Each structure stands twice: as structure tokens, then as C-alpha cells.
Amino acid sequence: MAALLTEGLSAVWWDKRRSLGSLSLSQIRGFILNIPSAVTLGPISLPIHRPHWIAIRPIDGSYYNLDSKLQAPAAIGNEGQLRTFLSGQLSQASCELLLVVERNVEEDGSWLSPS
């Protein structure tokens, strides 16, 4: 999180009980997801899961999964597809979501659409 602060950014924890429809995506610079990830020993997948952090951000109008375990960034798509992707990830019990926003956006709460 210190790296975000040096860039004038903050991380805001997302309460996954809320609707993703209430996110003001235009105010959010990216996302950090903590997801369960299978532990592998060579080609063997063990029945153990560890937390793994992945980043998601918009690039040229499309959202991308920047997971370090992927060989290349994976396109997620538009805002609707992003919400579907995040919803699927958040349905896992041990998944957490952080919103990456500018500090002023964190302070004024504009990452959340007015209801």
C-alpha cells in the first residue's frame, strides 16, 4: 500500500455485501483482488489454497486481469463484463476486493455512485 501512497493513490476496502452496480467506475483507477489460489507442486495441484493478489485495471477503455500467474494480461472487457467478473470472484468466501482510487476520491467518497 505504501507504493500507492507514493503515487497519490489509496486503497479502499469493498464490502462485498454491497451491489457492484453502486461503484462509480469512472472514479476508480484499478482493483486489487485477494483470491484463493491452488498450491501446486510441479504438475500436481494440492488440495490447499493460499491467498493470491491480482490487479485489474482499465487500459484503452477495456479492463484487464494483470495476474502474475498468467503468461500475459487477460482481457476482461467492458464495464458490464468487469462487474460480472468481479461478482464471480467475490462469490468465493475468502475473496476480498480493494479499490484503487486517487486520495481525493477516497476522501470525498466519490468512488461510490449516489443512490
Protein backbone atom coordinates (compact mmCIF):
# COMPACT_ATOMS: atom_id res chain seq x y z
CA MET A 1 0.00 0.00 0.00
CA ALA A 2 2.99 2.28 0.50
CA ALA A 3 3.60 2.19 -3.26
CA LEU A 4 0.09 3.51 -3.87
CA LEU A 5 0.63 6.38 -1.44
CA THR A 6 3.79 7.48 -3.27
CA GLU A 7 1.65 7.84 -6.42
CA GLY A 8 -1.10 9.82 -4.66
CA LEU A 9 -3.42 6.81 -4.59
CA SER A 10 -5.27 4.95 -1.84
CA ALA A 11 -6.83 1.52 -1.44
CA VAL A 12 -10.43 1.35 -0.27
CA TRP A 13 -11.81 -1.95 1.06
CA TRP A 14 -15.01 -3.00 -0.73
CA ASP A 15 -17.79 -4.55 1.36
CA LYS A 16 -18.84 -7.42 -0.91
CA ARG A 17 -22.36 -7.39 0.55
CA ARG A 18 -22.91 -4.21 -1.50
CA SER A 19 -24.02 -4.25 -5.10
CA LEU A 20 -21.20 -3.78 -7.61
CA GLY A 21 -23.65 -1.60 -9.51
CA SER A 22 -23.06 1.13 -6.91
CA LEU A 23 -19.41 1.53 -7.93
CA SER A 24 -18.59 4.70 -9.84
CA LEU A 25 -16.10 3.05 -12.21
CA SER A 26 -15.03 6.36 -13.75
CA GLN A 27 -13.58 7.32 -10.34
CA ILE A 28 -11.68 4.04 -9.82
CA ARG A 29 -8.15 3.65 -11.22
CA GLY A 30 -7.98 -0.12 -10.67
CA PHE A 31 -8.71 -3.04 -8.40
CA ILE A 32 -6.71 -5.38 -6.21
CA LEU A 33 -8.30 -8.76 -5.55
CA ASN A 34 -7.20 -11.26 -2.94
CA ILE A 35 -8.35 -14.65 -4.23
CA PRO A 36 -7.80 -18.24 -3.14
CA SER A 37 -5.22 -19.94 -5.32
CA ALA A 38 -4.42 -23.64 -5.52
CA VAL A 39 -0.96 -24.69 -4.39
CA THR A 40 0.90 -26.74 -6.99
CA LEU A 41 3.93 -28.95 -6.73
CA GLY A 42 5.16 -29.17 -10.28
CA PRO A 43 2.27 -30.53 -12.35
CA ILE A 44 0.37 -31.70 -9.24
CA SER A 45 -2.30 -29.46 -7.74
CA LEU A 46 -2.57 -29.90 -3.97
CA PRO A 47 -5.88 -29.58 -2.09
CA ILE A 48 -4.55 -26.46 -0.37
CA HIS A 49 -5.45 -22.88 -1.21
CA ARG A 50 -3.39 -19.81 -0.39
CA PRO A 51 -4.28 -16.16 -0.82
CA HIS A 52 -3.06 -14.63 -4.07
CA TRP A 53 -3.20 -10.96 -5.07
CA ILE A 54 -4.18 -9.91 -8.58
CA ALA A 55 -4.52 -6.46 -10.12
CA ILE A 56 -7.18 -5.30 -12.57
CA ARG A 57 -7.08 -2.02 -14.42
CA PRO A 58 -8.52 -0.30 -17.45
CA ILE A 59 -6.25 0.08 -20.48
CA ASP A 60 -7.55 1.93 -23.55
CA GLY A 61 -11.19 1.57 -22.47
CA SER A 62 -11.09 -2.15 -21.66
CA TYR A 63 -10.40 -3.87 -18.33
CA TYR A 64 -7.55 -6.36 -17.97
CA ASN A 65 -6.61 -9.02 -15.42
CA LEU A 66 -2.92 -8.47 -14.65
CA ASP A 67 -2.47 -11.66 -12.59
CA SER A 68 1.24 -12.52 -12.36
CA LYS A 69 0.37 -16.20 -12.79
CA LEU A 70 -0.87 -15.53 -16.33
CA GLN A 71 1.54 -15.55 -19.25
CA ALA A 72 0.09 -12.25 -20.47
CA PRO A 73 -2.60 -9.79 -19.35
CA ALA A 74 -6.06 -11.25 -19.92
CA ALA A 75 -8.82 -9.06 -21.34
CA ILE A 76 -11.92 -8.89 -19.16
CA GLY A 77 -13.82 -6.44 -21.35
CA ASN A 78 -16.14 -3.52 -20.79
CA GLU A 79 -17.71 -2.25 -17.56
CA GLY A 80 -20.53 -4.81 -17.62
CA GLN A 81 -18.09 -7.66 -18.16
CA LEU A 82 -15.89 -6.29 -15.36
CA ARG A 83 -18.84 -6.28 -12.94
CA THR A 84 -19.65 -9.87 -13.94
CA PHE A 85 -16.02 -10.92 -13.45
CA LEU A 86 -15.81 -9.24 -10.03
CA SER A 87 -19.13 -10.73 -8.97
CA GLY A 88 -17.87 -14.22 -9.82
CA GLN A 89 -14.67 -13.68 -7.87
CA LEU A 90 -16.44 -12.17 -4.86
CA SER A 91 -18.81 -15.15 -4.66
CA GLN A 92 -15.87 -17.11 -3.23
CA ALA A 93 -15.97 -16.95 0.56
CA SER A 94 -12.35 -15.94 1.04
CA CYS A 95 -12.11 -13.30 -1.72
CA GLU A 96 -11.56 -9.63 -0.85
CA LEU A 97 -11.60 -6.56 -3.09
CA LEU A 98 -9.72 -3.28 -2.77
CA LEU A 99 -10.48 -0.27 -4.96
CA VAL A 100 -7.51 1.82 -6.11
CA VAL A 101 -8.51 5.47 -6.19
CA GLU A 102 -6.91 8.89 -6.00
CA ARG A 103 -6.69 10.21 -2.44
CA ASN A 104 -9.24 12.97 -3.01
CA VAL A 105 -11.69 10.36 -4.36
CA GLU A 106 -11.20 8.31 -1.21
CA GLU A 107 -11.75 11.36 0.98
CA ASP A 108 -14.94 12.53 -0.71
CA GLY A 109 -16.32 9.02 -1.29
CA SER A 110 -16.95 9.66 -4.99
CA TRP A 111 -15.94 6.05 -5.81
CA LEU A 112 -19.49 5.21 -4.76
CA SER A 113 -22.36 6.23 -7.04
CA PRO A 114 -25.03 8.31 -5.32
CA SER A 115 -28.07 6.14 -4.55
